[in-house]
N, C-alpha and C. Protein backbone atom coordinates (compact mmCIF):
# COMPACT_ATOMS: atom_id res chain seq x y z
N MET A 1 9.73 11.11 -9.81
CA MET A 1 9.24 12.35 -9.29
C MET A 1 8.73 12.19 -7.86
N ILE A 2 8.08 11.09 -7.54
CA ILE A 2 7.55 10.89 -6.19
C ILE A 2 8.63 10.25 -5.33
N GLY A 3 8.88 10.84 -4.17
CA GLY A 3 9.87 10.30 -3.24
C GLY A 3 9.26 9.30 -2.29
N TYR A 4 8.11 9.65 -1.72
CA TYR A 4 7.38 8.73 -0.86
C TYR A 4 5.96 9.22 -0.67
N VAL A 5 5.10 8.29 -0.25
CA VAL A 5 3.71 8.57 0.06
C VAL A 5 3.50 8.14 1.50
N THR A 6 2.77 8.95 2.27
CA THR A 6 2.56 8.64 3.68
C THR A 6 1.10 8.30 3.96
N LEU A 7 0.91 7.22 4.74
CA LEU A 7 -0.42 6.82 5.19
C LEU A 7 -0.47 7.00 6.70
N GLY A 8 -1.49 7.69 7.19
CA GLY A 8 -1.68 7.83 8.63
C GLY A 8 -2.23 6.55 9.23
N VAL A 9 -1.70 6.16 10.38
CA VAL A 9 -2.12 4.92 11.03
C VAL A 9 -2.30 5.14 12.53
N LYS A 10 -3.07 4.24 13.16
CA LYS A 10 -3.27 4.30 14.61
C LYS A 10 -2.17 3.55 15.35
N ASP A 11 -1.76 2.42 14.81
CA ASP A 11 -0.81 1.53 15.46
C ASP A 11 0.38 1.32 14.52
N LEU A 12 1.47 2.01 14.79
CA LEU A 12 2.63 1.97 13.89
C LEU A 12 3.20 0.56 13.77
N ALA A 13 3.34 -0.14 14.87
CA ALA A 13 3.90 -1.49 14.83
C ALA A 13 3.05 -2.41 13.96
N ALA A 14 1.73 -2.33 14.12
CA ALA A 14 0.83 -3.17 13.33
C ALA A 14 0.89 -2.80 11.85
N ALA A 15 0.95 -1.51 11.54
CA ALA A 15 1.02 -1.06 10.14
C ALA A 15 2.33 -1.51 9.49
N LYS A 16 3.43 -1.38 10.20
CA LYS A 16 4.73 -1.84 9.66
C LYS A 16 4.66 -3.33 9.37
N ALA A 17 4.15 -4.10 10.31
CA ALA A 17 4.06 -5.55 10.12
C ALA A 17 3.18 -5.89 8.92
N PHE A 18 2.03 -5.20 8.80
CA PHE A 18 1.10 -5.44 7.69
C PHE A 18 1.78 -5.20 6.35
N TYR A 19 2.36 -4.02 6.16
CA TYR A 19 2.94 -3.67 4.86
C TYR A 19 4.23 -4.42 4.57
N LEU A 20 5.04 -4.71 5.57
CA LEU A 20 6.26 -5.49 5.31
C LEU A 20 5.91 -6.91 4.88
N GLU A 21 4.91 -7.51 5.51
CA GLU A 21 4.49 -8.85 5.10
C GLU A 21 3.78 -8.82 3.75
N LEU A 22 2.86 -7.88 3.58
CA LEU A 22 2.11 -7.80 2.33
C LEU A 22 3.03 -7.59 1.13
N LEU A 23 4.01 -6.72 1.27
CA LEU A 23 4.86 -6.34 0.14
C LEU A 23 6.18 -7.12 0.08
N ALA A 24 6.31 -8.16 0.87
CA ALA A 24 7.55 -8.94 0.91
C ALA A 24 7.95 -9.45 -0.47
N ASP A 25 6.98 -9.87 -1.29
CA ASP A 25 7.30 -10.38 -2.63
C ASP A 25 7.80 -9.29 -3.58
N MET A 26 7.66 -8.02 -3.17
CA MET A 26 8.17 -6.91 -3.98
C MET A 26 9.58 -6.51 -3.51
N ASN A 27 10.17 -7.36 -2.66
CA ASN A 27 11.54 -7.16 -2.18
C ASN A 27 11.74 -5.82 -1.50
N VAL A 28 10.81 -5.45 -0.64
CA VAL A 28 10.94 -4.20 0.11
C VAL A 28 11.60 -4.48 1.46
N GLN A 29 12.05 -3.42 2.07
CA GLN A 29 12.62 -3.51 3.41
C GLN A 29 12.26 -2.27 4.20
N LEU A 30 12.50 -2.33 5.48
CA LEU A 30 12.29 -1.18 6.34
C LEU A 30 13.51 -0.28 6.15
N ILE A 31 13.30 0.87 5.50
CA ILE A 31 14.39 1.78 5.16
C ILE A 31 14.71 2.70 6.33
N PHE A 32 13.66 3.14 7.03
CA PHE A 32 13.79 4.17 8.06
C PHE A 32 12.73 3.89 9.10
N ASP A 33 13.08 3.93 10.37
CA ASP A 33 12.13 3.59 11.42
C ASP A 33 12.41 4.45 12.66
N MET A 34 11.44 5.30 13.01
CA MET A 34 11.56 6.13 14.21
C MET A 34 10.33 5.91 15.09
N ASP A 35 10.20 6.69 16.11
CA ASP A 35 9.12 6.49 17.08
C ASP A 35 7.72 6.63 16.50
N ARG A 36 7.48 7.47 15.48
CA ARG A 36 6.13 7.64 14.96
C ARG A 36 6.02 7.47 13.46
N ILE A 37 7.14 7.15 12.78
CA ILE A 37 7.12 7.04 11.32
C ILE A 37 8.10 5.96 10.85
N ALA A 38 7.71 5.27 9.80
CA ALA A 38 8.57 4.25 9.18
C ALA A 38 8.42 4.34 7.67
N MET A 39 9.52 4.11 6.96
CA MET A 39 9.50 4.11 5.49
C MET A 39 9.88 2.72 5.00
N ILE A 40 9.08 2.23 4.07
CA ILE A 40 9.22 0.89 3.54
C ILE A 40 9.43 1.00 2.04
N GLY A 41 10.40 0.26 1.51
CA GLY A 41 10.63 0.29 0.08
C GLY A 41 11.95 -0.35 -0.28
N ARG A 42 12.54 0.16 -1.36
CA ARG A 42 13.85 -0.28 -1.83
C ARG A 42 14.73 0.95 -1.89
N PRO A 43 15.99 0.84 -1.46
CA PRO A 43 16.87 2.00 -1.46
C PRO A 43 16.91 2.70 -2.82
N GLY A 44 16.78 4.02 -2.79
CA GLY A 44 16.86 4.82 -4.01
C GLY A 44 15.60 4.87 -4.84
N GLU A 45 14.51 4.23 -4.39
CA GLU A 45 13.25 4.23 -5.13
C GLU A 45 12.17 4.89 -4.27
N PRO A 46 11.05 5.27 -4.87
CA PRO A 46 9.95 5.82 -4.08
C PRO A 46 9.54 4.85 -2.98
N MET A 47 9.14 5.41 -1.85
CA MET A 47 8.83 4.59 -0.68
C MET A 47 7.40 4.81 -0.20
N LEU A 48 6.93 3.86 0.59
CA LEU A 48 5.67 3.96 1.30
C LEU A 48 6.00 4.25 2.75
N SER A 49 5.42 5.29 3.30
CA SER A 49 5.65 5.66 4.69
C SER A 49 4.37 5.45 5.46
N VAL A 50 4.49 4.92 6.67
CA VAL A 50 3.35 4.82 7.59
C VAL A 50 3.71 5.61 8.83
N CYS A 51 2.74 6.38 9.33
CA CYS A 51 3.06 7.21 10.50
C CYS A 51 1.84 7.49 11.35
N VAL A 52 2.12 7.72 12.63
CA VAL A 52 1.12 8.24 13.55
C VAL A 52 1.12 9.75 13.30
N PRO A 53 -0.04 10.37 13.04
CA PRO A 53 -0.07 11.79 12.70
C PRO A 53 0.69 12.66 13.71
N TYR A 54 1.39 13.65 13.17
CA TYR A 54 2.21 14.55 13.97
C TYR A 54 1.39 15.28 15.04
N ASN A 55 0.14 15.63 14.69
CA ASN A 55 -0.70 16.36 15.65
C ASN A 55 -1.33 15.45 16.70
N GLU A 56 -1.01 14.18 16.64
CA GLU A 56 -1.48 13.16 17.60
C GLU A 56 -2.98 12.96 17.58
N GLU A 57 -3.66 13.49 16.58
CA GLU A 57 -5.09 13.23 16.42
C GLU A 57 -5.27 11.95 15.62
N ALA A 58 -6.49 11.44 15.57
CA ALA A 58 -6.77 10.20 14.86
C ALA A 58 -6.43 10.34 13.37
N PRO A 59 -5.82 9.31 12.79
CA PRO A 59 -5.57 9.36 11.35
C PRO A 59 -6.89 9.29 10.60
N SER A 60 -6.92 9.86 9.41
CA SER A 60 -8.11 9.76 8.57
C SER A 60 -7.68 9.69 7.12
N ALA A 61 -8.37 8.87 6.39
CA ALA A 61 -8.09 8.74 4.96
C ALA A 61 -8.83 9.86 4.23
N GLY A 62 -8.14 10.55 3.36
CA GLY A 62 -8.77 11.63 2.61
C GLY A 62 -9.69 11.09 1.54
N ASN A 63 -10.76 11.77 1.28
CA ASN A 63 -11.69 11.37 0.24
C ASN A 63 -11.03 11.56 -1.11
N GLY A 64 -10.89 10.50 -1.87
CA GLY A 64 -10.26 10.56 -3.18
C GLY A 64 -8.77 10.28 -3.15
N ASN A 65 -8.16 10.15 -1.97
CA ASN A 65 -6.75 9.81 -1.88
C ASN A 65 -6.56 8.31 -1.98
N MET A 66 -5.48 7.90 -2.64
CA MET A 66 -5.19 6.48 -2.80
C MET A 66 -3.72 6.33 -3.12
N VAL A 67 -3.14 5.23 -2.68
CA VAL A 67 -1.77 4.87 -3.03
C VAL A 67 -1.86 3.73 -4.03
N ALA A 68 -1.15 3.83 -5.14
CA ALA A 68 -1.15 2.77 -6.15
C ALA A 68 0.26 2.19 -6.25
N LEU A 69 0.34 0.86 -6.13
CA LEU A 69 1.62 0.16 -6.16
C LEU A 69 1.65 -0.78 -7.36
N ALA A 70 2.78 -0.83 -8.04
CA ALA A 70 2.92 -1.60 -9.29
C ALA A 70 3.82 -2.81 -9.06
N PRO A 71 3.24 -3.99 -8.82
CA PRO A 71 4.06 -5.18 -8.57
C PRO A 71 4.60 -5.86 -9.83
N GLY A 72 4.20 -5.43 -11.03
CA GLY A 72 4.86 -5.91 -12.25
C GLY A 72 4.10 -6.84 -13.17
N SER A 73 2.95 -7.39 -12.74
CA SER A 73 2.19 -8.28 -13.62
C SER A 73 0.76 -8.43 -13.10
N THR A 74 -0.13 -8.93 -13.94
CA THR A 74 -1.50 -9.19 -13.48
C THR A 74 -1.51 -10.28 -12.41
N GLU A 75 -0.62 -11.28 -12.57
CA GLU A 75 -0.55 -12.35 -11.59
C GLU A 75 -0.12 -11.82 -10.22
N ALA A 76 0.83 -10.90 -10.22
CA ALA A 76 1.29 -10.31 -8.96
C ALA A 76 0.19 -9.46 -8.33
N VAL A 77 -0.58 -8.74 -9.15
CA VAL A 77 -1.71 -7.96 -8.64
C VAL A 77 -2.69 -8.90 -7.94
N ASP A 78 -3.05 -10.00 -8.62
CA ASP A 78 -3.99 -10.97 -8.06
C ASP A 78 -3.47 -11.52 -6.73
N LYS A 79 -2.21 -11.92 -6.72
CA LYS A 79 -1.62 -12.53 -5.53
C LYS A 79 -1.58 -11.55 -4.35
N LEU A 80 -1.15 -10.33 -4.60
CA LEU A 80 -1.04 -9.35 -3.52
C LEU A 80 -2.40 -8.90 -3.01
N TYR A 81 -3.35 -8.76 -3.91
CA TYR A 81 -4.71 -8.42 -3.50
C TYR A 81 -5.26 -9.51 -2.58
N ALA A 82 -5.14 -10.77 -2.99
CA ALA A 82 -5.64 -11.89 -2.18
C ALA A 82 -4.93 -11.92 -0.83
N LYS A 83 -3.64 -11.64 -0.83
CA LYS A 83 -2.89 -11.62 0.42
C LYS A 83 -3.39 -10.51 1.33
N ALA A 84 -3.62 -9.32 0.78
CA ALA A 84 -4.12 -8.20 1.58
C ALA A 84 -5.46 -8.55 2.23
N ILE A 85 -6.36 -9.14 1.45
CA ILE A 85 -7.67 -9.51 1.97
C ILE A 85 -7.53 -10.57 3.06
N SER A 86 -6.64 -11.53 2.85
CA SER A 86 -6.44 -12.58 3.86
C SER A 86 -5.83 -12.04 5.14
N MET A 87 -5.18 -10.89 5.05
CA MET A 87 -4.55 -10.26 6.21
C MET A 87 -5.48 -9.26 6.91
N GLY A 88 -6.73 -9.19 6.47
CA GLY A 88 -7.70 -8.34 7.15
C GLY A 88 -8.08 -7.06 6.44
N ALA A 89 -7.53 -6.83 5.24
CA ALA A 89 -7.93 -5.66 4.46
C ALA A 89 -9.35 -5.89 3.92
N THR A 90 -10.01 -4.80 3.51
CA THR A 90 -11.37 -4.86 3.00
C THR A 90 -11.37 -4.52 1.51
N SER A 91 -12.03 -5.34 0.73
CA SER A 91 -12.06 -5.14 -0.73
C SER A 91 -12.79 -3.85 -1.10
N ASP A 92 -12.26 -3.19 -2.12
CA ASP A 92 -12.95 -2.07 -2.74
C ASP A 92 -12.94 -2.24 -4.25
N GLY A 93 -12.72 -3.47 -4.72
CA GLY A 93 -12.71 -3.77 -6.15
C GLY A 93 -11.77 -4.91 -6.45
N GLU A 94 -12.32 -6.07 -6.78
CA GLU A 94 -11.51 -7.24 -7.07
C GLU A 94 -10.65 -7.02 -8.31
N PRO A 95 -9.58 -7.82 -8.47
CA PRO A 95 -8.69 -7.66 -9.61
C PRO A 95 -9.42 -7.81 -10.94
N GLY A 96 -9.03 -6.99 -11.89
CA GLY A 96 -9.60 -7.09 -13.23
C GLY A 96 -9.16 -5.93 -14.11
N TRP A 97 -9.43 -6.10 -15.40
CA TRP A 97 -9.11 -5.04 -16.36
C TRP A 97 -10.12 -3.92 -16.21
N ARG A 98 -9.66 -2.74 -15.89
CA ARG A 98 -10.52 -1.56 -15.82
C ARG A 98 -10.62 -0.92 -17.20
N ILE A 99 -9.52 -0.96 -17.93
CA ILE A 99 -9.48 -0.58 -19.34
C ILE A 99 -8.80 -1.76 -20.03
N GLU A 100 -9.55 -2.53 -20.80
CA GLU A 100 -9.05 -3.77 -21.37
C GLU A 100 -7.71 -3.59 -22.08
N GLY A 101 -6.73 -4.38 -21.65
CA GLY A 101 -5.40 -4.35 -22.24
C GLY A 101 -4.55 -3.14 -21.87
N VAL A 102 -5.11 -2.22 -21.08
CA VAL A 102 -4.40 -1.00 -20.73
C VAL A 102 -4.14 -0.88 -19.24
N PHE A 103 -5.17 -1.12 -18.41
CA PHE A 103 -5.04 -0.93 -16.96
C PHE A 103 -5.73 -2.05 -16.22
N TYR A 104 -4.96 -2.82 -15.45
CA TYR A 104 -5.45 -3.91 -14.62
C TYR A 104 -5.26 -3.50 -13.18
N GLY A 105 -6.32 -3.54 -12.38
CA GLY A 105 -6.18 -3.07 -11.01
C GLY A 105 -7.02 -3.85 -10.02
N ALA A 106 -6.64 -3.73 -8.74
CA ALA A 106 -7.37 -4.30 -7.62
C ALA A 106 -7.26 -3.31 -6.47
N TYR A 107 -8.35 -3.11 -5.75
CA TYR A 107 -8.41 -2.05 -4.74
C TYR A 107 -8.82 -2.61 -3.37
N PHE A 108 -8.24 -2.04 -2.31
CA PHE A 108 -8.62 -2.44 -0.96
C PHE A 108 -8.38 -1.29 0.01
N PHE A 109 -9.01 -1.42 1.18
CA PHE A 109 -8.76 -0.51 2.30
C PHE A 109 -7.96 -1.27 3.35
N ASP A 110 -6.88 -0.67 3.84
CA ASP A 110 -6.14 -1.30 4.93
C ASP A 110 -6.92 -1.14 6.23
N LYS A 111 -6.38 -1.63 7.32
CA LYS A 111 -7.11 -1.62 8.60
C LYS A 111 -7.32 -0.22 9.16
N ASP A 112 -6.59 0.77 8.64
CA ASP A 112 -6.78 2.16 9.07
C ASP A 112 -7.67 2.94 8.11
N GLY A 113 -8.20 2.26 7.08
CA GLY A 113 -9.10 2.92 6.14
C GLY A 113 -8.40 3.57 4.96
N ASN A 114 -7.09 3.37 4.81
CA ASN A 114 -6.37 3.93 3.67
C ASN A 114 -6.65 3.09 2.43
N LYS A 115 -6.96 3.75 1.31
CA LYS A 115 -7.24 3.04 0.07
C LYS A 115 -5.94 2.79 -0.68
N VAL A 116 -5.78 1.54 -1.12
CA VAL A 116 -4.57 1.12 -1.82
C VAL A 116 -4.99 0.37 -3.09
N CYS A 117 -4.21 0.56 -4.14
CA CYS A 117 -4.44 -0.15 -5.40
C CYS A 117 -3.16 -0.88 -5.80
N PHE A 118 -3.29 -2.12 -6.22
CA PHE A 118 -2.21 -2.81 -6.94
C PHE A 118 -2.62 -2.73 -8.40
N PHE A 119 -1.67 -2.35 -9.27
CA PHE A 119 -2.04 -2.22 -10.68
C PHE A 119 -0.93 -2.69 -11.60
N PHE A 120 -1.34 -2.96 -12.86
CA PHE A 120 -0.39 -3.33 -13.91
C PHE A 120 -0.83 -2.66 -15.20
N MET A 121 0.12 -2.06 -15.89
CA MET A 121 -0.13 -1.46 -17.20
C MET A 121 0.94 -2.02 -18.16
N PRO A 122 0.52 -2.88 -19.09
CA PRO A 122 1.51 -3.44 -20.02
C PRO A 122 2.15 -2.33 -20.86
N SER A 123 3.41 -2.54 -21.21
CA SER A 123 4.07 -1.51 -22.04
C SER A 123 3.82 -1.71 -23.50
């Protein structure tokens, strides 16, 4: 149902580099790249878009907005969270079971203040 999610950023080149490196283990690629917007993901699947706002005003993270990415396991959540923090992201909740056996998540803010979650839900 979701085609893509967009995060507003100040520096498009820096945001592309951050997310391409961070999500490299999820086998993503730069799908689309223009002067103010880029889409990162896998062909035919929902994508993450980073862009300089169209109105050219400063980007801002909405209160209560968050992007959640599913890397496939608790180990992958741990690894990607640690990688994000090592790349300059700020923690908003270390990896752990939020609902035991149901929802495992880790939360961080990227350098533009966008909230992101890596999560795993066993089937």
